[in-house]
Amino acid sequence: MAEGKYCVNVERFCEPCLCDHLEVSAVSFCILCTEYMCSDCTKSHRRNKVTRNHTTLEGDDLPNDSAVFVLMKKLTNCSDHPDVPLTFKCQDHKIFICTSCLVSKHRKCDNVSEISNSPDDNDETPTQESLVERIVKLKDKTASTISSKVHNIETIRSDETQIMQKQKQAVEEMHKYFRKLLEESKNETKIIAAREVKVLSDDIKALNILESKEKETNDLLLTTKEHGTKTECRIINKIVAEDIGHLESKVDESNTAGEVKLIFKENDVYKRIKSIGNTTKDIQRSYPSVDEMKKLTQAVKHSSDTFDESEKSPFSQSAKMKEMKGDIKAEQQRKPHRSFLERQMKETNLEYNIRVPSDEGQCQINRILILNDKTIVLSDTKNKNIKVFDINFSHIATYYLKYSPSDMCIISNYLLAVACRKRKKVLRIFVGEGQLTCDDEFCTKLYPVSLCTLEDKKIVILLTKTEKDDDEDDKANHSIQIRHSFNPFGRIIVTLDIFLSKRDATLKLVSPKRVEAAKQMPDCILIAERNILYCFQINECNLKEIWFVKSHSDVHIYNITDVVMDSKHNCYVCCNNSYRIIQVPATNYMKNKVLSQIPTHPLSMAIDENGCKIYICSEDSNFVRVYDFC
């Protein structure tokens, strides 16, 4: 999904008319006055003796933002006399000055020369072309450095988890006496990994600031080249050259820092061992070229989250570990691999307790996620926390929030986005071995209800203007935002608040609870209203209905609380008030069916495809029900 596809022109109003409290659409922009004007004010501007020679931009040349022009005037006008342009350069003080400064402050200076519109042979001011070329190269270098830092974080996380598995395997072959050494080495690894990740994260934040400055500088150069006078071009070029040099030194300094890699060396002399090994870091300074890094950046942005135990997962198991879990593997191999549409949920189920000692009341799980390594993550809205369990529901870690989580989704391997509705925030949380950490967050103007990720890793957020969970009385309250999940986290791409039916009539959603990516169709999302499931296509300025599903004679859909999809893009709808799980086929949404009836109010669900199981949590319940799905 291209970001530029969602660029929306902002309506500009005449600034002179705004002084009279009138909102009149602007049709022109004066470069010297840096003001938008309507047609009448434009005519007056051209008739006035003082302003008739001013340059105005109209039509397609009308800028969406005047900030670059204001910056251009600020840099080419005197700081002491803002309305007077810079026309001289004092070599003694090495600054540009205006005529007033020449008379008042620099009359005794020996080396004062007038800035000429035609370049001098001895003039060392860089050209526009050379500066644009340098800023483009610098932008590429900054982007490649950020990409390498992001990739390095993923490598460290992968190394960290692999090392912990090696540590565990080594300890399993020893006597119980050595088990305490495992925890010592794991703590050492966590400390080193956390320290190095923090250093890299700080570098990335600093580089993001430099990247914004580079864009601002590039816009200034291009605007000055197109609309500035020759004098302004020479002044801007001289100033920007110094700024680029400073930016280059900062980026080069970060680029040459080297890649950190964690290494674990196992000790095999058991009788004399005092530790199971040491975790160290190995810095690899051979960085790829800019072109190679561009390919790497694309690979990171579009990397797959599909679990591949043999190659990609940092929790890949050794032969001995697989042998220890042979019973689980054998059970999975005995299960029939039928298509999802042919599978059925068994009536019998297993129940696992998910309440932890720190919980103050009963659990209310509004989202279940299953990570690639079979780690299970639950968001508890009543106890205001995120809980992590292993496949056998042994508690691993808990992350405590100030406000209740309204929803969460998987960004990439071991990275989650968590929405806190009342706090108007979205957090990015890393799920590591034995701990959860929040590494970034952003605020939202409206209340975030639900979120999901698209195929290109962008985050889709369902927002509402009301804090209440039930806003049926106010139907025109909702919007969809698409934001970046990386670089930087949470930057807005587009906001859409117009929902259209197939006949282009405006739709007003009633208390929508869930948004999910419709993976079988590009640029499409599912939105679960109270009693209707919609599929919308994302357009430039609106969301257009593709299809919808609601109750009919055989299927009752009341109060949808969760929506999930399997790998074949079939949709599963959790209906709270009708106690049902509904299956909507990807090939024909009209052939939906009741998959199972649940004895209590189902609130959230998840599908473990490899294990052929469905996990369901109900309202005010301390247990998760696990059904066979085969």
Foldseek 3Di string as FASTA:
>chain_A
DDLVQQDDQDFDAFPVVVVVVDGHTFFKAFLLVRTTHHPVVVVVQCPDPVRVPTDMDGDPRHDSDSVLSVVLLQLQPDPVDSNFGFFKAQPVVGGTDGPVCCVPPVVVGDDMDTQDLDDDPPDPQDALVVLLVLLVVLLLLLLLLLLLLVVLLVQLQLLLLLQLQVLVVVVVPDDPVQPVLSVVQNVQSVVVSVVVNVVSLVLNVVSLVLSVVSVSLSVNSVCCVVPNGSSSNSSSSRVVVVVSVVSVVSSVVSLQPFRKHWDWDADDPVVPDPHRTHIDIDGHRDGDDSVVSVVSSQCVLQPDQAADLVPPDSNNHDPVVCVVVVVLVVVLVPDDQDDLVPKFWDPDWDKDFQDDPVQPAFFFWQEWDQGSQRWIWTFTQVSQWIWIAHNVRDTQEIGHDPHGWLEKEDLHHQWMWTFGFVQQKIWIWGDHGRYIDTDDMDGHPFGWQEWYAASSSKIKTKGFRDSDQFDQVDQQTIKIWIAHCVSPHGHTSHIERFEAEQVRDTDGAGRWRYKYCQRVDPQWIWIHGFFKIFIWHDRNHYTYTDDMDGDDDQDHAGGWQEWDADPQRWIWTQHFPQQFIKIQDPVHRVPIHTRDGHPHGWHYKDADSSSQWIWTDHGSHSIIIIIHID
